Each structure stands twice: as C-alpha cells, then as structure tokens.
Protein backbone atom coordinates (compact mmCIF):
# COMPACT_ATOMS: atom_id res chain seq x y z
CA MET A 1 0.56 177.87 -141.41
CA PHE A 2 -2.17 180.31 -142.45
CA ARG A 3 -1.41 182.67 -145.30
CA ASN A 4 -3.26 185.75 -146.39
CA ALA A 5 -2.79 188.47 -149.02
CA LEU A 6 -4.84 191.65 -149.09
CA HIS A 7 -4.92 194.15 -151.96
CA MET A 8 -5.22 197.71 -150.66
CA GLY A 9 -4.86 201.24 -152.09
CA ASP A 10 -2.42 204.08 -151.49
CA GLY A 11 -4.79 206.62 -152.98
CA PRO A 12 -7.90 206.84 -155.16
CA GLY A 13 -7.69 204.23 -157.86
CA ARG A 14 -4.13 203.24 -156.90
CA PRO A 15 -4.10 199.83 -155.21
CA ARG A 16 -1.45 197.80 -153.50
CA VAL A 17 -1.21 194.33 -152.01
CA LEU A 18 -1.16 193.71 -148.28
CA GLY A 19 -0.01 190.17 -147.77
CA GLY A 20 0.95 188.15 -144.76
CA TRP A 21 0.81 184.91 -142.89
CA ALA A 22 0.44 183.73 -139.32
CA VAL A 23 3.52 181.86 -138.20
CA ASP A 24 3.89 179.16 -135.57
CA GLY A 25 3.31 180.65 -132.12
CA GLY A 26 0.52 182.98 -133.19
CA GLY A 27 2.55 185.74 -134.85
CA LEU A 28 1.40 187.50 -138.00
CA LEU A 29 3.53 188.95 -140.79
CA LEU A 30 1.91 191.49 -143.13
CA THR A 31 3.56 192.51 -146.40
CA ILE A 32 2.44 195.50 -148.47
CA THR A 33 3.34 195.29 -152.16
CA HIS A 34 2.12 196.03 -155.66
CA ASP A 35 3.71 192.79 -156.88
CA LEU A 36 1.10 190.21 -157.86
CA ARG A 37 3.85 187.60 -158.14
CA LEU A 38 4.45 188.01 -154.42
CA ALA A 39 0.74 187.55 -153.74
CA ARG A 40 0.84 184.34 -155.78
CA ALA A 41 3.88 183.14 -153.86
CA LEU A 42 2.22 183.85 -150.49
CA GLY A 43 -0.87 181.88 -151.43
CA GLY A 44 -3.90 181.85 -149.15
CA ASP A 45 -6.57 184.49 -149.71
CA VAL A 46 -6.41 187.81 -151.52
CA LEU A 47 -8.60 190.89 -151.23
CA VAL A 48 -8.57 193.31 -154.14
CA MET A 49 -9.48 196.84 -153.08
CA ARG A 50 -10.14 200.07 -154.91
CA ASP A 51 -11.08 203.42 -153.37
CA ALA A 52 -11.15 201.85 -149.89
CA SER A 53 -13.64 199.16 -150.95
CA VAL A 54 -13.14 195.43 -151.53
CA VAL A 55 -14.04 194.64 -155.13
CA GLU A 56 -13.03 190.97 -155.12
CA ALA A 57 -11.91 188.38 -152.58
CA GLY A 58 -11.03 184.71 -152.55
CA PRO A 59 -8.19 182.22 -152.85
CA VAL A 60 -5.15 183.62 -154.64
CA GLU A 61 -5.09 180.84 -157.20
CA GLN A 62 -8.69 181.62 -158.13
CA VAL A 63 -8.71 185.42 -158.04
CA LEU A 64 -5.42 185.89 -159.87
CA ALA A 65 -6.10 183.15 -162.43
CA THR A 66 -9.78 183.72 -163.24
CA PRO A 67 -10.69 187.17 -161.87
CA ALA A 68 -14.37 188.08 -161.84
CA HIS A 69 -14.15 191.83 -161.32
CA ALA A 70 -13.15 194.16 -164.16
CA TYR A 71 -10.65 195.97 -161.98
CA THR A 72 -8.80 192.77 -161.04
CA GLN A 73 -8.76 191.87 -164.72
CA ARG A 74 -7.28 195.30 -165.45
CA LEU A 75 -4.48 194.74 -162.92
CA LEU A 76 -3.59 191.35 -164.34
CA GLY A 77 -3.65 192.71 -167.88
CA ALA A 78 -1.19 195.41 -166.82
CA GLU A 79 1.62 192.99 -165.94
CA PRO A 80 4.60 193.86 -168.21
CA SER A 81 4.66 190.37 -169.73
CA ARG A 82 1.24 191.14 -171.25
CA TRP A 83 2.02 194.56 -172.72
CA THR A 84 1.44 195.10 -176.46
CA PHE A 85 2.48 198.72 -176.97
CA GLY A 86 3.53 199.91 -180.41
CA TRP A 87 6.87 201.16 -179.06
CA MET A 88 7.92 197.66 -177.98
CA ARG A 89 10.79 196.43 -180.17
CA HIS A 90 10.78 192.74 -179.22
CA GLY A 91 14.54 192.28 -179.33
CA THR A 92 15.23 194.33 -182.46
CA PRO A 93 17.07 197.45 -181.25
CA PRO A 94 17.79 200.36 -183.58
CA VAL A 95 21.13 200.45 -185.36
CA PRO A 96 23.33 203.03 -183.55
CA THR A 97 24.06 206.16 -185.54
CA GLY A 98 26.35 209.06 -184.76
CA ASP A 99 28.51 209.51 -181.71
CA PRO A 100 27.37 207.97 -178.42
CA LEU A 101 25.67 210.15 -175.82
CA VAL A 102 27.62 208.37 -173.07
CA ALA A 103 30.83 206.36 -173.46
CA ALA A 104 32.25 204.26 -170.62
CA ASP A 105 35.74 202.82 -171.07
CA GLY A 106 37.24 200.34 -168.62
CA ILE A 107 35.41 201.76 -165.61
CA ALA A 108 35.63 200.24 -162.13
CA LYS A 109 34.08 201.01 -158.76
CA SER A 110 34.55 199.57 -155.28
CA TYR A 111 33.45 200.50 -151.79
CA GLY A 112 36.03 199.22 -149.35
CA SER A 113 36.64 195.56 -150.12
CA SER A 114 33.39 195.26 -152.10
CA GLU A 115 34.01 195.44 -155.84
CA LEU A 116 30.86 196.42 -157.74
CA PHE A 117 32.22 196.33 -161.29
CA ARG A 118 35.54 196.54 -163.11
CA ASP A 119 36.89 196.94 -166.64
CA LEU A 120 33.39 197.73 -167.89
CA SER A 121 33.02 199.36 -171.31
CA PHE A 122 29.92 200.17 -173.33
CA ARG A 123 28.15 202.95 -175.25
CA ILE A 124 24.69 204.50 -175.00
CA HIS A 125 23.41 206.03 -178.24
CA ALA A 126 20.36 208.13 -178.96
CA ASP A 127 17.08 206.16 -179.02
CA GLU A 128 18.58 203.15 -177.23
CA ARG A 129 16.98 201.65 -174.12
CA TRP A 130 19.25 199.98 -171.59
CA ALA A 131 18.25 198.03 -168.48
CA LEU A 132 20.61 197.57 -165.53
CA THR A 133 19.52 194.45 -163.68
CA GLY A 134 20.70 192.29 -160.80
CA PRO A 135 19.99 191.76 -157.09
CA SER A 136 19.97 194.51 -154.46
CA GLY A 137 23.39 195.82 -153.52
CA VAL A 138 25.12 194.70 -156.70
CA GLY A 139 25.79 198.27 -157.90
CA LYS A 140 23.02 199.14 -160.37
CA THR A 141 22.37 202.63 -159.02
CA THR A 142 26.08 203.27 -158.52
CA LEU A 143 26.77 202.37 -162.15
CA GLY A 144 23.93 204.60 -163.35
CA ASN A 145 25.23 207.49 -161.26
CA ALA A 146 28.74 206.87 -162.60
CA LEU A 147 27.44 207.03 -166.18
CA LEU A 148 25.78 210.36 -165.35
CA ARG A 149 29.05 211.47 -163.71
CA LEU A 150 27.29 211.92 -160.39
CA THR A 151 29.61 209.34 -158.80
CA PRO A 152 33.35 209.22 -159.57
CA VAL A 153 34.80 205.95 -160.84
CA ASP A 154 37.97 204.38 -159.45
CA ALA A 155 39.39 203.59 -162.88
CA GLY A 156 38.53 204.21 -166.51
CA THR A 157 36.67 207.14 -168.05
CA VAL A 158 33.11 208.29 -168.68
CA SER A 159 32.57 210.88 -171.41
CA HIS A 160 29.43 212.73 -172.52
CA ALA A 161 28.49 214.17 -175.91
CA PRO A 162 27.82 217.93 -176.16
CA ALA A 163 24.11 217.16 -176.63
CA THR A 164 23.85 216.13 -172.97
CA ARG A 165 24.53 219.65 -171.66
CA ASP A 166 22.07 222.18 -170.23
CA GLY A 167 19.79 219.82 -168.35
CA ARG A 168 19.33 217.38 -171.21
CA VAL A 169 20.24 214.44 -168.93
CA GLN A 170 17.57 213.74 -166.32
CA LYS A 171 17.40 211.32 -163.39
CA LEU A 172 14.27 209.76 -161.94
CA TYR A 173 14.89 208.67 -158.36
CA GLN A 174 13.48 205.57 -156.67
CA ASP A 175 12.48 207.88 -153.81
CA PRO A 176 11.16 210.97 -155.63
CA GLY A 177 10.97 212.88 -152.35
CA LEU A 178 14.75 213.26 -152.52
CA SER A 179 14.48 215.39 -155.65
CA PHE A 180 11.79 217.87 -154.56
CA PRO A 181 12.28 220.74 -152.07
CA ARG A 182 10.13 219.79 -149.08
CA ARG A 183 8.69 223.24 -148.38
CA VAL A 184 7.98 224.30 -151.97
CA PRO A 185 4.56 223.58 -153.54
CA LEU A 186 4.79 221.09 -156.37
CA GLY A 187 3.38 223.58 -158.88
CA ALA A 188 6.14 226.06 -158.10
CA ALA A 189 8.81 223.37 -158.54
CA LEU A 190 7.40 222.35 -161.93
CA ARG A 191 7.00 225.91 -163.16
CA ASP A 192 10.62 226.62 -162.29
CA VAL A 193 11.51 223.95 -164.87
CA VAL A 194 9.02 225.42 -167.34
CA ARG A 195 10.63 228.87 -167.05
CA ARG A 196 14.25 227.71 -167.02
CA HIS A 197 13.88 225.51 -170.10
CA ARG A 198 11.30 227.70 -171.85
CA VAL A 199 8.70 224.94 -171.99
CA GLU A 200 5.16 225.63 -173.17
CA GLU A 201 2.69 225.73 -170.28
CA ALA A 202 0.37 223.54 -172.36
CA ARG A 203 2.98 220.78 -172.35
CA LEU A 204 2.94 220.69 -168.56
CA ARG A 205 -0.86 220.41 -168.51
CA THR A 206 -0.82 217.65 -171.14
CA LEU A 207 1.77 215.55 -169.32
CA LEU A 208 -0.06 215.90 -165.99
CA ASP A 209 -3.34 214.84 -167.61
CA GLU A 210 -1.71 211.79 -169.19
CA VAL A 211 -0.45 210.47 -165.85
CA GLY A 212 -3.71 211.29 -164.04
CA ILE A 213 -2.47 214.15 -161.83
CA PRO A 214 -5.12 216.88 -161.30
CA GLN A 215 -4.00 220.50 -161.46
CA ASP A 216 -5.18 221.27 -157.94
CA MET A 217 -2.75 218.69 -156.53
CA LEU A 218 0.10 221.03 -157.49
CA ARG A 219 -0.87 223.31 -154.62
CA ARG A 220 0.39 220.65 -152.21
CA ARG A 221 3.91 220.06 -150.98
CA PRO A 222 5.79 216.79 -151.63
CA GLY A 223 4.89 215.36 -148.22
CA GLN A 224 1.19 215.92 -148.85
CA VAL A 225 0.85 213.46 -151.75
CA SER A 226 1.37 209.70 -151.93
CA GLY A 227 4.63 208.14 -153.07
CA GLY A 228 3.01 206.96 -156.29
CA GLU A 229 1.61 210.41 -157.06
CA LEU A 230 4.97 212.05 -156.41
CA GLN A 231 6.68 209.48 -158.63
CA ARG A 232 4.40 210.39 -161.53
CA ILE A 233 4.95 214.11 -160.96
CA ALA A 234 8.72 213.47 -161.00
CA ILE A 235 8.38 211.74 -164.37
CA VAL A 236 6.44 214.71 -165.74
CA ARG A 237 9.14 217.08 -164.48
CA ALA A 238 11.90 215.02 -166.10
CA MET A 239 10.13 215.03 -169.46
CA LEU A 240 9.45 218.79 -169.55
CA PRO A 241 12.87 219.87 -170.94
CA ARG A 242 12.80 217.13 -173.61
CA PRO A 243 15.96 215.32 -172.45
CA VAL A 244 18.35 213.27 -174.59
CA LEU A 245 18.96 210.70 -171.82
CA VAL A 246 16.80 209.66 -168.87
CA PHE A 247 18.18 207.55 -166.02
CA ALA A 248 15.15 205.89 -164.39
CA ASP A 249 16.25 204.35 -161.08
CA GLU A 250 13.34 202.05 -160.13
CA ALA A 251 11.13 204.96 -161.16
CA THR A 252 7.88 202.95 -161.21
CA SER A 253 8.56 200.83 -158.13
CA ARG A 254 6.00 202.75 -156.04
CA LEU A 255 3.22 202.38 -158.59
CA ASP A 256 0.58 199.69 -158.85
CA LEU A 257 0.58 197.67 -162.07
CA ALA A 258 -2.16 199.65 -163.84
CA THR A 259 -0.53 202.99 -163.04
CA GLN A 260 2.92 201.62 -163.90
CA GLU A 261 1.62 200.56 -167.30
CA VAL A 262 0.12 203.99 -168.07
CA THR A 263 3.14 205.87 -166.74
CA THR A 264 5.72 203.69 -168.54
CA ASP A 265 3.74 204.05 -171.76
CA LEU A 266 3.79 207.84 -171.40
CA LEU A 267 7.50 207.88 -170.56
CA VAL A 268 8.61 205.65 -173.45
CA ARG A 269 6.30 207.34 -175.97
CA GLU A 270 7.79 210.70 -175.00
CA LEU A 271 11.30 209.27 -175.35
CA ALA A 272 10.52 207.71 -178.72
CA GLN A 273 9.22 211.00 -180.16
CA THR A 274 12.58 212.70 -179.65
CA GLY A 275 14.98 209.75 -179.84
CA CYS A 276 15.81 210.12 -176.14
CA ALA A 277 17.84 207.26 -174.67
CA LEU A 278 16.72 205.41 -171.54
CA LEU A 279 18.84 203.87 -168.79
CA LEU A 280 16.53 201.80 -166.60
CA VAL A 281 17.41 200.27 -163.22
CA THR A 282 14.96 197.55 -162.25
CA HIS A 283 14.61 194.31 -160.29
CA ASP A 284 11.70 193.32 -162.55
CA ASP A 285 12.90 191.06 -165.35
CA GLU A 286 9.52 191.32 -167.10
CA LEU A 287 9.72 195.13 -167.11
CA ALA A 288 13.29 195.03 -168.42
CA THR A 289 12.28 192.65 -171.22
CA ALA A 290 9.27 194.77 -172.19
CA VAL A 291 11.10 198.10 -172.27
CA ALA A 292 14.81 197.61 -172.99
CA ASP A 293 16.78 196.82 -176.14
CA HIS A 294 19.93 195.98 -174.20
CA ARG A 295 20.52 194.59 -170.74
CA LEU A 296 23.57 194.86 -168.51
CA ASP A 297 23.30 192.26 -165.76
CA LEU A 298 25.49 193.10 -162.77
CA ARG A 299 25.22 189.72 -161.09
CA ALA A 300 28.59 188.49 -159.77
CA PRO A 301 31.19 187.54 -160.80
CA ALA A 302 31.19 189.73 -163.92
CA ALA A 303 28.74 192.04 -165.67
CA ALA A 304 27.22 190.68 -168.86
CA VAL A 305 26.37 193.20 -171.57
CA GLY A 306 23.69 192.22 -174.09
C-alpha cells in the first residue's frame, strides 16, 4: 500500500494537509486536514506548502521530526502541546468567587432512544475555562446549547446570572457561515455590532489586525472568503461586545496550527482581561489541556466532571 500526505493552503499563509493513500486495486484516497497527527498516522511522504508553493517535502517521519524549513518548524511549534503562553494555568484554576454565570442542576437530554446526558449538575463562574470533550455524536454541542438555553432540556434546570443579559453571552459556531447573513458584506455585519453595543471603532481595527484580517476583506460577503478567514472574523465579532461567557464550538477547527495558535492566544487574552468565562467544545485533547481549567468528558456511560 502506498501512502502519501500533502500539505496545502486554503489561502495566503494558511496551509492545510492533503493526505491519502492508494489502496489495493489502484484506488486513491485523499484526505485534507490541518491535523499533523493525521499526517503522521498516514505515513508515506508529506509536502508542506505555503502560498501555493512547496517549501518542504519528504518522508513524514523525517519532515515532521526534523523539519528543515522555517515554516514547517513554525507549524510544529504551534501544536497545542508546545504552547507556553502566559495565560496558561497548568491545572491551577482560579478559586470561584460570587454567583455562577450559568448553573445547571440535574439536566438531561435525549433524542428518541439516544440519551446524551442525564442528572448532570455543574457551575460556570467568571474567569473559568471549561472544555466539553468526547467523540462525535456524544452531545457536546447539544450540552453547550442547553447551557446557553438555546436548546431545551428534558429534565432539570439551567439558570443564568443577570450579568449574562444584553448580548453578553456569545457563541462561536463550528461553521461560521451559519452566523453571518449571506448577502451582507462582512464590514456591515461587524459595524452593526459596533453600533448596537457602542464599541469603539478602534477596537474593531485592533482585533482584526491581531488575527491577520485586512480591512479591505470586509467589503466581501461571507461566501467570498475562506472558512478559516470567516472563523477568525467570527471570533472578532464575538469579542467586540466584551462578553462574560463565550461558547466556542470547535471554533478553531478550520484553522491551520499556526493560525489556531495566534487566534486562540488572542481569544484567551481577551477573555482574561475581563474575566470572561469560556466553554470550549473540542475533539483535540491537547487543545483542551492547554486552554481549559476544567473538563467535562461526555464519553458513555456517564459524563465525568473535572
């Protein structure tokens, strides 16, 4: 069996991995991903590309272990397990103070005969960072939506503190296109938030600069930018009103490692400045460990809160 992994970009400076292997009978399977762990698992050869040019190529075990090009080195250094940001707490969460922003008591949710969670109780306080983890389909997004009261629960209660009113709870979607009007230029959508929440125009410019989004891109509509670019613009929009709680539902899943690192750093630094809480849904255990103080693992048979 021949295996091959190619690293390609979804926009200037924003790479991704195209991996695949030829199977018995002459077929070929190609996989596009930002996940270097997948490239390692595929084995074979890897091509690292930036701005539509190959910057490094060779066997996976060589390129991803001893990279020669500075850009490949940058990608490897951006894996969450290698982060060294000042906001990282390394397992020492803050001591909760005051009333919780969100309180869940004995909540349960099922769809048909599929029970996602039951008798689940916990609290989210200001400045805390929670990660919801577990395999696909286990109910991570449903639980997050229930905690935001976007999805009704079958049993139990979810209550919010007064501080969460008036747009102070924000959600970052895995598919950011769902949260932008398709026919409205991105600049108009962002400036609606600026006006409604009386945000300084300078704050919008600063946040866009920090995630590498040029001002002229705001003339485009959501379908005219890449998924990674739209994800970063969605993060900027969520941070504009200075929320007290952000629900990030796989919000960096469309970003390459280097862009994910920069964007997560911006997001968590912004949260830390105001004591905003974070509820993170992710499949990436390394990302959850790097970012979160607490983890709620929804793997069957019962959720484990830690």
